[in-house]
Amino acid sequence: MSREVPAGMASDGLAGLPAPGTSFVGRAAESAAVHALLGEARLVTLVGPAGVGKTRLAAAVASGAGSAFPSGCAFAELAPVRPDFLAQAVAAVLGVTERPGQPLEQALHERLGEGRRLLVVDGAGHLLDAVGDLVGRLLAGCPRLVVLATSREPLGIPGERVLPVPALALVDPAIPGSNGSEAGTLFLDRARATGAGVDADPELVADLCSRLGGMPL
């Protein structure tokens, strides 16, 4: 099988990672927890409601996890994919094509079984059973593969470690008693990114973020 670097593969060996258009705010504790779990388990699933920041957290972790996965990392966005095209979506990110007469999933096993590798499957919630089946087979056939998933619910695979992703903190964990917060920082960052000259009263921002449950977007 060809070992060429697939299109979209970054120089650090990370394929398919969406280019961030905005800064990554907060999540220091959650990032550390995910990194720790990836060193202990072969399947880690970030769970939480839509909009809480599971994808950005997974992307940030994957971008900083390269040294732990010498065979590379890949990020497969599954939200727009139909159940019967899951293997094709993962294969496209990895640049995998099957040989004549070879099942595509077998080609995936060959690539993902080459060494310690991280595969991020993002947006598994709408295809929970199908993603769970595919991930289960890949993990069974590729002993050194590690999977980081994002979903509204756990995939339900034996050995899965589940990490709930909470809303952003309503107080700045680095400044006890302050009006600043991770949620407020995110709100102001995104507001300024629109070109608006925002310089809101911190107490008003804190009140707004509190009313929105730490999800100001």
N, C-alpha and C. Protein backbone atom coordinates (compact mmCIF):
# COMPACT_ATOMS: atom_id res chain seq x y z
N MET A 1 0.84 -1.20 0.00
CA MET A 1 0.00 0.00 0.00
C MET A 1 0.88 1.25 0.00
N SER A 2 0.43 2.28 -0.69
CA SER A 2 1.19 3.51 -0.76
C SER A 2 1.32 4.14 0.61
N ARG A 3 2.50 4.69 0.91
CA ARG A 3 2.73 5.39 2.17
C ARG A 3 2.83 6.89 1.93
N GLU A 4 2.33 7.36 0.78
CA GLU A 4 2.39 8.79 0.49
C GLU A 4 1.57 9.56 1.51
N VAL A 5 2.01 10.78 1.81
CA VAL A 5 1.25 11.64 2.71
C VAL A 5 0.00 12.10 2.00
N PRO A 6 -1.20 11.87 2.57
CA PRO A 6 -2.43 12.23 1.91
C PRO A 6 -2.62 13.74 1.83
N ALA A 7 -3.44 14.14 0.86
CA ALA A 7 -3.76 15.56 0.74
C ALA A 7 -4.40 16.03 2.03
N GLY A 8 -4.04 17.23 2.46
CA GLY A 8 -4.59 17.76 3.71
C GLY A 8 -3.81 17.36 4.93
N MET A 9 -2.74 16.58 4.76
CA MET A 9 -1.93 16.16 5.90
C MET A 9 -0.96 17.28 6.26
N ALA A 10 -1.01 17.72 7.50
CA ALA A 10 -0.10 18.75 7.95
C ALA A 10 1.29 18.18 8.12
N SER A 11 2.28 19.07 8.17
CA SER A 11 3.65 18.62 8.28
C SER A 11 3.92 17.89 9.58
N ASP A 12 3.06 18.11 10.60
CA ASP A 12 3.26 17.43 11.87
C ASP A 12 2.54 16.10 11.91
N GLY A 13 2.00 15.64 10.76
CA GLY A 13 1.37 14.33 10.71
C GLY A 13 -0.08 14.33 11.10
N LEU A 14 -0.73 15.49 11.16
CA LEU A 14 -2.13 15.57 11.56
C LEU A 14 -2.99 15.87 10.34
N ALA A 15 -3.85 14.94 9.99
CA ALA A 15 -4.65 15.08 8.77
C ALA A 15 -6.09 15.45 9.11
N GLY A 16 -6.67 16.31 8.27
CA GLY A 16 -8.09 16.60 8.37
C GLY A 16 -8.49 17.56 9.45
N LEU A 17 -7.56 18.10 10.23
CA LEU A 17 -7.92 18.99 11.32
C LEU A 17 -8.46 20.29 10.74
N PRO A 18 -9.67 20.71 11.16
CA PRO A 18 -10.21 21.96 10.63
C PRO A 18 -9.37 23.15 11.08
N ALA A 19 -9.09 24.06 10.16
CA ALA A 19 -8.30 25.25 10.50
C ALA A 19 -9.13 26.16 11.38
N PRO A 20 -8.65 26.48 12.59
CA PRO A 20 -9.45 27.33 13.48
C PRO A 20 -9.52 28.75 12.97
N GLY A 21 -10.73 29.30 12.93
CA GLY A 21 -10.89 30.67 12.50
C GLY A 21 -10.89 31.64 13.66
N THR A 22 -10.93 31.09 14.89
CA THR A 22 -10.96 31.91 16.08
C THR A 22 -10.04 31.28 17.13
N SER A 23 -9.76 32.02 18.19
CA SER A 23 -8.89 31.52 19.23
C SER A 23 -9.60 30.47 20.09
N PHE A 24 -8.80 29.63 20.73
CA PHE A 24 -9.32 28.62 21.65
C PHE A 24 -9.29 29.20 23.05
N VAL A 25 -10.45 29.26 23.70
CA VAL A 25 -10.58 29.94 24.98
C VAL A 25 -10.79 28.94 26.11
N GLY A 26 -10.01 29.08 27.17
CA GLY A 26 -10.23 28.29 28.37
C GLY A 26 -9.95 26.81 28.18
N ARG A 27 -10.65 25.99 28.96
CA ARG A 27 -10.61 24.53 28.87
C ARG A 27 -9.28 23.92 29.31
N ALA A 28 -8.51 24.61 30.12
CA ALA A 28 -7.22 24.04 30.54
C ALA A 28 -7.42 22.74 31.30
N ALA A 29 -8.37 22.72 32.24
CA ALA A 29 -8.61 21.51 33.03
C ALA A 29 -9.11 20.37 32.17
N GLU A 30 -10.05 20.68 31.27
CA GLU A 30 -10.60 19.64 30.40
C GLU A 30 -9.54 19.11 29.44
N SER A 31 -8.71 20.00 28.90
CA SER A 31 -7.65 19.56 27.99
C SER A 31 -6.69 18.61 28.69
N ALA A 32 -6.31 18.96 29.91
CA ALA A 32 -5.41 18.09 30.67
C ALA A 32 -6.06 16.74 30.95
N ALA A 33 -7.35 16.76 31.25
CA ALA A 33 -8.05 15.50 31.53
C ALA A 33 -8.11 14.61 30.29
N VAL A 34 -8.35 15.20 29.12
CA VAL A 34 -8.41 14.41 27.90
C VAL A 34 -7.04 13.81 27.59
N HIS A 35 -5.99 14.62 27.67
CA HIS A 35 -4.64 14.11 27.42
C HIS A 35 -4.32 12.94 28.35
N ALA A 36 -4.71 13.07 29.62
CA ALA A 36 -4.44 11.99 30.57
C ALA A 36 -5.21 10.73 30.20
N LEU A 37 -6.47 10.87 29.82
CA LEU A 37 -7.27 9.71 29.46
C LEU A 37 -6.75 9.03 28.20
N LEU A 38 -6.24 9.81 27.25
CA LEU A 38 -5.70 9.22 26.02
C LEU A 38 -4.46 8.39 26.30
N GLY A 39 -3.81 8.63 27.42
CA GLY A 39 -2.67 7.83 27.80
C GLY A 39 -3.07 6.54 28.52
N GLU A 40 -4.35 6.45 28.91
CA GLU A 40 -4.81 5.30 29.68
C GLU A 40 -5.78 4.40 28.90
N ALA A 41 -6.56 4.98 28.02
CA ALA A 41 -7.64 4.24 27.36
C ALA A 41 -7.50 4.32 25.85
N ARG A 42 -8.14 3.40 25.16
CA ARG A 42 -8.07 3.39 23.70
C ARG A 42 -9.27 4.08 23.06
N LEU A 43 -10.30 4.35 23.84
CA LEU A 43 -11.45 5.10 23.35
C LEU A 43 -11.88 6.09 24.41
N VAL A 44 -11.82 7.37 24.06
CA VAL A 44 -12.27 8.45 24.94
C VAL A 44 -13.35 9.22 24.19
N THR A 45 -14.50 9.40 24.84
CA THR A 45 -15.61 10.10 24.20
C THR A 45 -15.96 11.35 24.99
N LEU A 46 -15.93 12.49 24.31
CA LEU A 46 -16.35 13.76 24.89
C LEU A 46 -17.84 13.90 24.65
N VAL A 47 -18.62 14.03 25.72
CA VAL A 47 -20.07 14.11 25.56
C VAL A 47 -20.58 15.43 26.11
N GLY A 48 -21.65 15.92 25.50
CA GLY A 48 -22.26 17.17 25.95
C GLY A 48 -23.22 17.67 24.90
N PRO A 49 -24.02 18.67 25.23
CA PRO A 49 -25.00 19.19 24.28
C PRO A 49 -24.35 19.91 23.11
N ALA A 50 -25.11 20.10 22.06
CA ALA A 50 -24.62 20.83 20.89
C ALA A 50 -24.21 22.24 21.30
N GLY A 51 -23.08 22.70 20.80
CA GLY A 51 -22.63 24.06 21.06
C GLY A 51 -21.79 24.24 22.30
N VAL A 52 -21.55 23.17 23.06
CA VAL A 52 -20.80 23.32 24.30
C VAL A 52 -19.30 23.42 24.06
N GLY A 53 -18.84 22.99 22.87
CA GLY A 53 -17.42 23.13 22.55
C GLY A 53 -16.66 21.83 22.46
N LYS A 54 -17.36 20.72 22.22
CA LYS A 54 -16.69 19.42 22.14
C LYS A 54 -15.70 19.36 20.97
N THR A 55 -16.11 19.87 19.82
CA THR A 55 -15.25 19.81 18.63
C THR A 55 -13.98 20.63 18.83
N ARG A 56 -14.11 21.85 19.35
CA ARG A 56 -12.93 22.69 19.55
C ARG A 56 -11.98 22.07 20.57
N LEU A 57 -12.54 21.45 21.61
CA LEU A 57 -11.71 20.79 22.60
C LEU A 57 -10.97 19.62 21.98
N ALA A 58 -11.67 18.80 21.21
CA ALA A 58 -11.03 17.65 20.57
C ALA A 58 -9.95 18.10 19.59
N ALA A 59 -10.23 19.16 18.84
CA ALA A 59 -9.25 19.65 17.87
C ALA A 59 -8.01 20.19 18.58
N ALA A 60 -8.22 20.91 19.68
CA ALA A 60 -7.08 21.46 20.42
C ALA A 60 -6.23 20.34 21.01
N VAL A 61 -6.88 19.32 21.55
CA VAL A 61 -6.14 18.19 22.11
C VAL A 61 -5.36 17.47 21.01
N ALA A 62 -6.01 17.21 19.88
CA ALA A 62 -5.35 16.49 18.80
C ALA A 62 -4.15 17.27 18.27
N SER A 63 -4.28 18.59 18.18
CA SER A 63 -3.18 19.40 17.65
C SER A 63 -1.96 19.39 18.55
N GLY A 64 -2.17 19.08 19.83
CA GLY A 64 -1.05 19.04 20.75
C GLY A 64 -0.63 17.65 21.18
N ALA A 65 -1.18 16.63 20.52
CA ALA A 65 -0.93 15.25 20.95
C ALA A 65 0.04 14.51 20.07
N GLY A 66 0.65 15.20 19.11
CA GLY A 66 1.47 14.52 18.11
C GLY A 66 2.60 13.68 18.68
N SER A 67 3.26 14.17 19.72
CA SER A 67 4.41 13.43 20.24
C SER A 67 4.01 12.10 20.85
N ALA A 68 2.77 11.98 21.28
CA ALA A 68 2.30 10.73 21.88
C ALA A 68 1.85 9.72 20.83
N PHE A 69 1.71 10.17 19.58
CA PHE A 69 1.22 9.30 18.52
C PHE A 69 2.15 9.40 17.31
N PRO A 70 3.26 8.69 17.35
CA PRO A 70 4.29 8.83 16.31
C PRO A 70 3.82 8.45 14.91
N SER A 71 2.76 7.64 14.80
CA SER A 71 2.26 7.30 13.47
C SER A 71 1.26 8.31 12.93
N GLY A 72 0.98 9.36 13.74
CA GLY A 72 0.15 10.44 13.24
C GLY A 72 -1.21 10.52 13.90
N CYS A 73 -1.90 11.62 13.61
CA CYS A 73 -3.26 11.87 14.10
C CYS A 73 -4.13 12.24 12.90
N ALA A 74 -5.40 11.89 12.97
CA ALA A 74 -6.33 12.24 11.89
C ALA A 74 -7.65 12.66 12.50
N PHE A 75 -8.31 13.62 11.86
CA PHE A 75 -9.56 14.21 12.36
C PHE A 75 -10.64 14.00 11.31
N ALA A 76 -11.62 13.14 11.61
CA ALA A 76 -12.70 12.84 10.67
C ALA A 76 -14.00 13.47 11.15
N GLU A 77 -14.52 14.41 10.38
CA GLU A 77 -15.79 15.05 10.72
C GLU A 77 -16.93 14.20 10.16
N LEU A 78 -17.77 13.68 11.05
CA LEU A 78 -18.80 12.73 10.64
C LEU A 78 -20.20 13.34 10.62
N ALA A 79 -20.36 14.57 11.10
CA ALA A 79 -21.69 15.16 11.20
C ALA A 79 -22.46 15.14 9.88
N PRO A 80 -21.82 15.45 8.72
CA PRO A 80 -22.59 15.46 7.47
C PRO A 80 -22.63 14.11 6.74
N VAL A 81 -22.11 13.05 7.35
CA VAL A 81 -21.91 11.78 6.65
C VAL A 81 -23.09 10.82 6.88
N ARG A 82 -23.49 10.12 5.82
CA ARG A 82 -24.53 9.10 5.95
C ARG A 82 -23.93 7.82 6.52
N PRO A 83 -24.75 6.97 7.19
CA PRO A 83 -24.22 5.77 7.84
C PRO A 83 -23.41 4.86 6.93
N ASP A 84 -23.83 4.71 5.67
CA ASP A 84 -23.14 3.80 4.77
C ASP A 84 -21.88 4.40 4.15
N PHE A 85 -21.53 5.64 4.54
CA PHE A 85 -20.31 6.27 4.01
C PHE A 85 -19.32 6.60 5.12
N LEU A 86 -19.49 6.00 6.30
CA LEU A 86 -18.58 6.30 7.39
C LEU A 86 -17.15 5.87 7.08
N ALA A 87 -17.00 4.64 6.59
CA ALA A 87 -15.65 4.15 6.28
C ALA A 87 -15.00 5.02 5.21
N GLN A 88 -15.78 5.45 4.22
CA GLN A 88 -15.25 6.31 3.16
C GLN A 88 -14.79 7.64 3.72
N ALA A 89 -15.52 8.20 4.70
CA ALA A 89 -15.15 9.48 5.29
C ALA A 89 -13.82 9.38 6.04
N VAL A 90 -13.64 8.30 6.79
CA VAL A 90 -12.39 8.10 7.51
C VAL A 90 -11.25 7.85 6.53
N ALA A 91 -11.52 7.04 5.51
CA ALA A 91 -10.49 6.73 4.52
C ALA A 91 -10.04 7.99 3.77
N ALA A 92 -10.98 8.89 3.47
CA ALA A 92 -10.64 10.10 2.74
C ALA A 92 -9.67 10.98 3.54
N VAL A 93 -9.89 11.07 4.84
CA VAL A 93 -9.01 11.87 5.69
C VAL A 93 -7.60 11.28 5.71
N LEU A 94 -7.53 9.96 5.75
CA LEU A 94 -6.24 9.27 5.83
C LEU A 94 -5.56 9.09 4.48
N GLY A 95 -6.28 9.38 3.40
CA GLY A 95 -5.72 9.16 2.07
C GLY A 95 -5.64 7.69 1.72
N VAL A 96 -6.54 6.88 2.27
CA VAL A 96 -6.52 5.44 2.05
C VAL A 96 -7.42 5.06 0.88
N THR A 97 -6.89 4.24 -0.02
CA THR A 97 -7.70 3.66 -1.09
C THR A 97 -7.47 2.15 -1.10
N GLU A 98 -8.51 1.42 -1.44
CA GLU A 98 -8.39 -0.03 -1.44
C GLU A 98 -7.76 -0.53 -2.74
N ARG A 99 -7.07 -1.66 -2.65
CA ARG A 99 -6.55 -2.33 -3.85
C ARG A 99 -7.70 -3.01 -4.57
N PRO A 100 -7.54 -3.36 -5.85
CA PRO A 100 -8.61 -4.07 -6.57
C PRO A 100 -9.03 -5.32 -5.81
N GLY A 101 -10.33 -5.43 -5.56
CA GLY A 101 -10.86 -6.59 -4.87
C GLY A 101 -10.73 -6.53 -3.36
N GLN A 102 -10.14 -5.47 -2.83
CA GLN A 102 -9.94 -5.37 -1.38
C GLN A 102 -11.06 -4.54 -0.75
N PRO A 103 -11.70 -5.01 0.32
CA PRO A 103 -12.69 -4.19 1.02
C PRO A 103 -12.04 -2.95 1.60
N LEU A 104 -12.75 -1.84 1.55
CA LEU A 104 -12.19 -0.58 2.04
C LEU A 104 -11.84 -0.68 3.52
N GLU A 105 -12.67 -1.34 4.30
CA GLU A 105 -12.39 -1.43 5.73
C GLU A 105 -11.09 -2.20 6.01
N GLN A 106 -10.79 -3.17 5.17
CA GLN A 106 -9.52 -3.88 5.33
C GLN A 106 -8.35 -2.95 5.07
N ALA A 107 -8.49 -2.09 4.06
CA ALA A 107 -7.44 -1.10 3.78
C ALA A 107 -7.29 -0.14 4.96
N LEU A 108 -8.40 0.22 5.59
CA LEU A 108 -8.32 1.08 6.77
C LEU A 108 -7.58 0.39 7.91
N HIS A 109 -7.87 -0.89 8.10
CA HIS A 109 -7.18 -1.65 9.14
C HIS A 109 -5.67 -1.67 8.89
N GLU A 110 -5.28 -1.82 7.64
CA GLU A 110 -3.85 -1.85 7.33
C GLU A 110 -3.19 -0.54 7.68
N ARG A 111 -3.83 0.58 7.33
CA ARG A 111 -3.23 1.90 7.62
C ARG A 111 -3.24 2.18 9.12
N LEU A 112 -4.38 1.95 9.76
CA LEU A 112 -4.50 2.30 11.17
C LEU A 112 -3.78 1.32 12.08
N GLY A 113 -3.39 0.19 11.54
CA GLY A 113 -2.66 -0.79 12.33
C GLY A 113 -1.16 -0.64 12.24
N GLU A 114 -0.68 0.42 11.57
CA GLU A 114 0.76 0.57 11.33
C GLU A 114 1.53 1.02 12.55
N GLY A 115 0.90 1.56 13.57
CA GLY A 115 1.61 2.03 14.75
C GLY A 115 0.65 2.77 15.66
N ARG A 116 1.18 3.41 16.67
CA ARG A 116 0.33 4.15 17.60
C ARG A 116 -0.17 5.42 16.90
N ARG A 117 -1.48 5.49 16.72
CA ARG A 117 -2.09 6.57 15.97
C ARG A 117 -3.35 7.03 16.69
N LEU A 118 -3.65 8.32 16.57
CA LEU A 118 -4.89 8.88 17.13
C LEU A 118 -5.86 9.19 16.00
N LEU A 119 -7.09 8.68 16.13
CA LEU A 119 -8.15 8.99 15.20
C LEU A 119 -9.25 9.73 15.95
N VAL A 120 -9.55 10.96 15.54
CA VAL A 120 -10.65 11.72 16.12
C VAL A 120 -11.86 11.55 15.23
N VAL A 121 -12.97 11.10 15.81
CA VAL A 121 -14.24 11.01 15.07
C VAL A 121 -15.19 12.03 15.69
N ASP A 122 -15.46 13.07 14.94
CA ASP A 122 -16.21 14.22 15.46
C ASP A 122 -17.65 14.19 14.97
N GLY A 123 -18.59 14.40 15.89
CA GLY A 123 -20.00 14.47 15.51
C GLY A 123 -20.63 13.11 15.34
N ALA A 124 -20.38 12.21 16.30
CA ALA A 124 -20.89 10.84 16.18
C ALA A 124 -22.33 10.70 16.65
N GLY A 125 -22.88 11.73 17.27
CA GLY A 125 -24.17 11.59 17.93
C GLY A 125 -25.32 11.19 17.04
N HIS A 126 -25.33 11.65 15.79
CA HIS A 126 -26.47 11.35 14.93
C HIS A 126 -26.35 9.97 14.27
N LEU A 127 -25.21 9.32 14.43
CA LEU A 127 -24.96 8.00 13.85
C LEU A 127 -24.39 7.07 14.92
N LEU A 128 -24.97 7.13 16.10
CA LEU A 128 -24.36 6.49 17.26
C LEU A 128 -24.08 5.01 17.04
N ASP A 129 -25.06 4.26 16.57
CA ASP A 129 -24.88 2.81 16.39
C ASP A 129 -23.86 2.51 15.30
N ALA A 130 -23.99 3.21 14.16
CA ALA A 130 -23.09 2.94 13.04
C ALA A 130 -21.65 3.33 13.39
N VAL A 131 -21.46 4.47 14.03
CA VAL A 131 -20.11 4.89 14.43
C VAL A 131 -19.56 3.93 15.47
N GLY A 132 -20.39 3.54 16.42
CA GLY A 132 -19.95 2.59 17.44
C GLY A 132 -19.50 1.28 16.84
N ASP A 133 -20.25 0.79 15.85
CA ASP A 133 -19.87 -0.47 15.19
C ASP A 133 -18.53 -0.33 14.47
N LEU A 134 -18.37 0.77 13.70
CA LEU A 134 -17.12 0.95 12.95
C LEU A 134 -15.94 1.14 13.89
N VAL A 135 -16.09 1.99 14.88
CA VAL A 135 -15.00 2.24 15.83
C VAL A 135 -14.65 0.96 16.57
N GLY A 136 -15.65 0.18 16.95
CA GLY A 136 -15.39 -1.08 17.64
C GLY A 136 -14.56 -2.03 16.79
N ARG A 137 -14.88 -2.12 15.51
CA ARG A 137 -14.13 -3.02 14.62
C ARG A 137 -12.71 -2.50 14.40
N LEU A 138 -12.55 -1.18 14.26
CA LEU A 138 -11.22 -0.62 14.05
C LEU A 138 -10.33 -0.84 15.27
N LEU A 139 -10.90 -0.63 16.45
CA LEU A 139 -10.13 -0.83 17.67
C LEU A 139 -9.74 -2.30 17.84
N ALA A 140 -10.67 -3.20 17.50
CA ALA A 140 -10.39 -4.63 17.64
C ALA A 140 -9.30 -5.08 16.67
N GLY A 141 -9.27 -4.47 15.48
CA GLY A 141 -8.31 -4.90 14.47
C GLY A 141 -7.01 -4.14 14.46
N CYS A 142 -6.94 -3.05 15.23
CA CYS A 142 -5.73 -2.21 15.23
C CYS A 142 -5.32 -1.97 16.69
N PRO A 143 -4.50 -2.86 17.24
CA PRO A 143 -4.22 -2.87 18.68
C PRO A 143 -3.60 -1.59 19.24
N ARG A 144 -2.97 -0.77 18.40
CA ARG A 144 -2.31 0.44 18.91
C ARG A 144 -3.07 1.71 18.55
N LEU A 145 -4.23 1.55 17.95
CA LEU A 145 -5.06 2.70 17.61
C LEU A 145 -5.75 3.25 18.85
N VAL A 146 -5.81 4.58 18.95
CA VAL A 146 -6.55 5.27 20.01
C VAL A 146 -7.57 6.18 19.33
N VAL A 147 -8.80 6.18 19.82
CA VAL A 147 -9.88 6.97 19.22
C VAL A 147 -10.39 7.99 20.23
N LEU A 148 -10.51 9.24 19.78
CA LEU A 148 -11.14 10.31 20.54
C LEU A 148 -12.41 10.69 19.79
N ALA A 149 -13.57 10.52 20.43
CA ALA A 149 -14.85 10.78 19.78
C ALA A 149 -15.55 11.95 20.45
N THR A 150 -16.38 12.66 19.67
CA THR A 150 -17.28 13.66 20.25
C THR A 150 -18.71 13.24 19.91
N SER A 151 -19.59 13.36 20.88
CA SER A 151 -20.95 12.86 20.69
C SER A 151 -21.86 13.45 21.76
N ARG A 152 -23.14 13.42 21.50
CA ARG A 152 -24.09 13.81 22.53
C ARG A 152 -24.25 12.72 23.58
N GLU A 153 -23.93 11.47 23.20
CA GLU A 153 -24.05 10.33 24.11
C GLU A 153 -22.83 9.44 23.94
N PRO A 154 -22.52 8.60 24.93
CA PRO A 154 -21.42 7.65 24.78
C PRO A 154 -21.68 6.68 23.63
N LEU A 155 -20.60 6.13 23.06
CA LEU A 155 -20.74 5.15 21.98
C LEU A 155 -21.15 3.78 22.51
N GLY A 156 -20.91 3.51 23.78
CA GLY A 156 -21.35 2.25 24.36
C GLY A 156 -20.45 1.07 24.05
N ILE A 157 -19.16 1.33 23.84
CA ILE A 157 -18.20 0.27 23.53
C ILE A 157 -17.45 -0.11 24.80
N PRO A 158 -17.25 -1.41 25.05
CA PRO A 158 -16.50 -1.81 26.24
C PRO A 158 -15.13 -1.12 26.30
N GLY A 159 -14.76 -0.63 27.48
CA GLY A 159 -13.49 0.07 27.65
C GLY A 159 -13.55 1.55 27.38
N GLU A 160 -14.70 2.05 26.91
CA GLU A 160 -14.84 3.48 26.61
C GLU A 160 -14.74 4.31 27.90
N ARG A 161 -13.98 5.38 27.83
CA ARG A 161 -13.92 6.36 28.92
C ARG A 161 -14.67 7.60 28.47
N VAL A 162 -15.63 8.02 29.26
CA VAL A 162 -16.52 9.12 28.91
C VAL A 162 -16.16 10.35 29.73
N LEU A 163 -15.99 11.48 29.05
CA LEU A 163 -15.68 12.74 29.72
C LEU A 163 -16.74 13.78 29.36
N PRO A 164 -17.64 14.10 30.29
CA PRO A 164 -18.62 15.16 30.02
C PRO A 164 -17.92 16.51 29.84
N VAL A 165 -18.35 17.25 28.84
CA VAL A 165 -17.79 18.59 28.59
C VAL A 165 -18.79 19.61 29.12
N PRO A 166 -18.44 20.32 30.20
CA PRO A 166 -19.37 21.29 30.78
C PRO A 166 -19.36 22.60 30.02
N ALA A 167 -20.31 23.45 30.35
CA ALA A 167 -20.28 24.81 29.84
C ALA A 167 -19.04 25.51 30.37
N LEU A 168 -18.63 26.59 29.72
CA LEU A 168 -17.45 27.33 30.17
C LEU A 168 -17.67 27.91 31.57
N ALA A 169 -16.57 28.04 32.31
CA ALA A 169 -16.64 28.54 33.68
C ALA A 169 -17.19 29.96 33.71
N LEU A 170 -18.01 30.23 34.72
CA LEU A 170 -18.60 31.56 34.88
C LEU A 170 -17.75 32.47 35.75
N VAL A 171 -16.67 31.92 36.32
CA VAL A 171 -15.68 32.73 37.03
C VAL A 171 -14.32 32.33 36.48
N ASP A 172 -13.39 33.25 36.50
CA ASP A 172 -12.04 32.96 36.03
C ASP A 172 -11.34 32.09 37.07
N PRO A 173 -11.03 30.82 36.73
CA PRO A 173 -10.42 29.94 37.73
C PRO A 173 -9.05 30.44 38.19
N ALA A 174 -8.42 31.31 37.42
CA ALA A 174 -7.10 31.82 37.80
C ALA A 174 -7.19 33.06 38.70
N ILE A 175 -8.41 33.65 38.79
CA ILE A 175 -8.57 34.87 39.58
C ILE A 175 -9.80 34.71 40.47
N PRO A 176 -9.67 34.04 41.60
CA PRO A 176 -10.83 33.84 42.48
C PRO A 176 -11.49 35.17 42.86
N GLY A 177 -12.81 35.16 42.79
CA GLY A 177 -13.55 36.36 43.18
C GLY A 177 -13.65 37.42 42.11
N SER A 178 -13.06 37.18 40.94
CA SER A 178 -13.11 38.21 39.89
C SER A 178 -14.42 38.12 39.11
N ASN A 179 -14.72 39.16 38.36
CA ASN A 179 -15.89 39.16 37.48
C ASN A 179 -15.57 38.53 36.13
N GLY A 180 -14.29 38.32 35.85
CA GLY A 180 -13.91 37.70 34.59
C GLY A 180 -14.30 36.23 34.57
N SER A 181 -14.43 35.66 33.39
CA SER A 181 -14.79 34.26 33.26
C SER A 181 -14.36 33.74 31.91
N GLU A 182 -14.23 32.43 31.80
CA GLU A 182 -13.95 31.84 30.50
C GLU A 182 -15.09 32.14 29.54
N ALA A 183 -16.33 32.03 30.01
CA ALA A 183 -17.49 32.31 29.16
C ALA A 183 -17.47 33.76 28.69
N GLY A 184 -17.14 34.70 29.61
CA GLY A 184 -17.08 36.11 29.24
C GLY A 184 -15.97 36.39 28.25
N THR A 185 -14.83 35.74 28.45
CA THR A 185 -13.71 35.91 27.52
C THR A 185 -14.10 35.44 26.13
N LEU A 186 -14.79 34.31 26.07
CA LEU A 186 -15.24 33.79 24.77
C LEU A 186 -16.23 34.75 24.11
N PHE A 187 -17.19 35.25 24.89
CA PHE A 187 -18.19 36.17 24.35
C PHE A 187 -17.53 37.41 23.75
N LEU A 188 -16.61 38.02 24.50
CA LEU A 188 -15.96 39.23 24.01
C LEU A 188 -15.07 38.95 22.82
N ASP A 189 -14.37 37.80 22.84
CA ASP A 189 -13.49 37.44 21.74
C ASP A 189 -14.28 37.29 20.44
N ARG A 190 -15.41 36.60 20.52
CA ARG A 190 -16.20 36.38 19.31
C ARG A 190 -16.89 37.66 18.85
N ALA A 191 -17.30 38.48 19.81
CA ALA A 191 -17.93 39.75 19.44
C ALA A 191 -16.93 40.65 18.73
N ARG A 192 -15.70 40.71 19.24
CA ARG A 192 -14.68 41.55 18.59
C ARG A 192 -14.28 41.01 17.24
N ALA A 193 -14.38 39.68 17.06
CA ALA A 193 -14.03 39.07 15.79
C ALA A 193 -14.97 39.51 14.67
N THR A 194 -16.17 39.96 15.03
CA THR A 194 -17.11 40.43 14.02
C THR A 194 -16.79 41.84 13.56
N GLY A 195 -15.81 42.48 14.21
CA GLY A 195 -15.46 43.84 13.86
C GLY A 195 -16.12 44.87 14.76
N ALA A 196 -16.94 44.39 15.69
CA ALA A 196 -17.61 45.32 16.60
C ALA A 196 -16.63 45.81 17.66
N GLY A 197 -16.68 47.08 17.97
CA GLY A 197 -15.83 47.64 19.01
C GLY A 197 -16.47 47.41 20.37
N VAL A 198 -16.26 46.24 20.93
CA VAL A 198 -16.93 45.86 22.16
C VAL A 198 -16.03 46.13 23.36
N ASP A 199 -16.54 46.86 24.33
CA ASP A 199 -15.81 47.10 25.57
C ASP A 199 -16.85 47.13 26.69
N ALA A 200 -17.51 45.98 26.91
CA ALA A 200 -18.65 45.92 27.81
C ALA A 200 -18.21 45.87 29.26
N ASP A 201 -19.10 46.31 30.12
CA ASP A 201 -18.89 46.22 31.56
C ASP A 201 -18.76 44.74 31.94
N PRO A 202 -17.68 44.36 32.64
CA PRO A 202 -17.48 42.95 32.99
C PRO A 202 -18.65 42.35 33.75
N GLU A 203 -19.31 43.17 34.61
CA GLU A 203 -20.44 42.63 35.37
C GLU A 203 -21.62 42.34 34.46
N LEU A 204 -21.83 43.19 33.44
CA LEU A 204 -22.91 42.93 32.49
C LEU A 204 -22.63 41.67 31.67
N VAL A 205 -21.36 41.51 31.24
CA VAL A 205 -20.99 40.31 30.48
C VAL A 205 -21.16 39.07 31.34
N ALA A 206 -20.73 39.16 32.60
CA ALA A 206 -20.86 38.02 33.51
C ALA A 206 -22.33 37.66 33.71
N ASP A 207 -23.20 38.67 33.83
CA ASP A 207 -24.63 38.41 34.02
C ASP A 207 -25.22 37.75 32.78
N LEU A 208 -24.82 38.23 31.59
CA LEU A 208 -25.32 37.65 30.35
C LEU A 208 -24.89 36.19 30.23
N CYS A 209 -23.62 35.92 30.50
CA CYS A 209 -23.11 34.55 30.38
C CYS A 209 -23.78 33.63 31.39
N SER A 210 -24.07 34.16 32.58
CA SER A 210 -24.76 33.37 33.59
C SER A 210 -26.16 33.02 33.12
N ARG A 211 -26.85 34.00 32.52
CA ARG A 211 -28.21 33.74 32.01
C ARG A 211 -28.21 32.71 30.89
N LEU A 212 -27.08 32.64 30.15
CA LEU A 212 -26.97 31.70 29.05
C LEU A 212 -26.32 30.39 29.48
N GLY A 213 -26.13 30.22 30.77
CA GLY A 213 -25.61 28.96 31.29
C GLY A 213 -24.18 28.66 30.88
N GLY A 214 -23.38 29.70 30.68
CA GLY A 214 -21.98 29.48 30.29
C GLY A 214 -21.79 29.12 28.84
N MET A 215 -22.84 29.28 28.02
CA MET A 215 -22.75 28.99 26.58
C MET A 215 -23.16 30.24 25.82
N PRO A 216 -22.32 31.29 25.82
CA PRO A 216 -22.71 32.60 25.28
C PRO A 216 -22.79 32.65 23.76
N LEU A 217 -22.44 31.56 23.06
CA LEU A 217 -22.57 31.58 21.60
C LEU A 217 -23.94 31.06 21.17
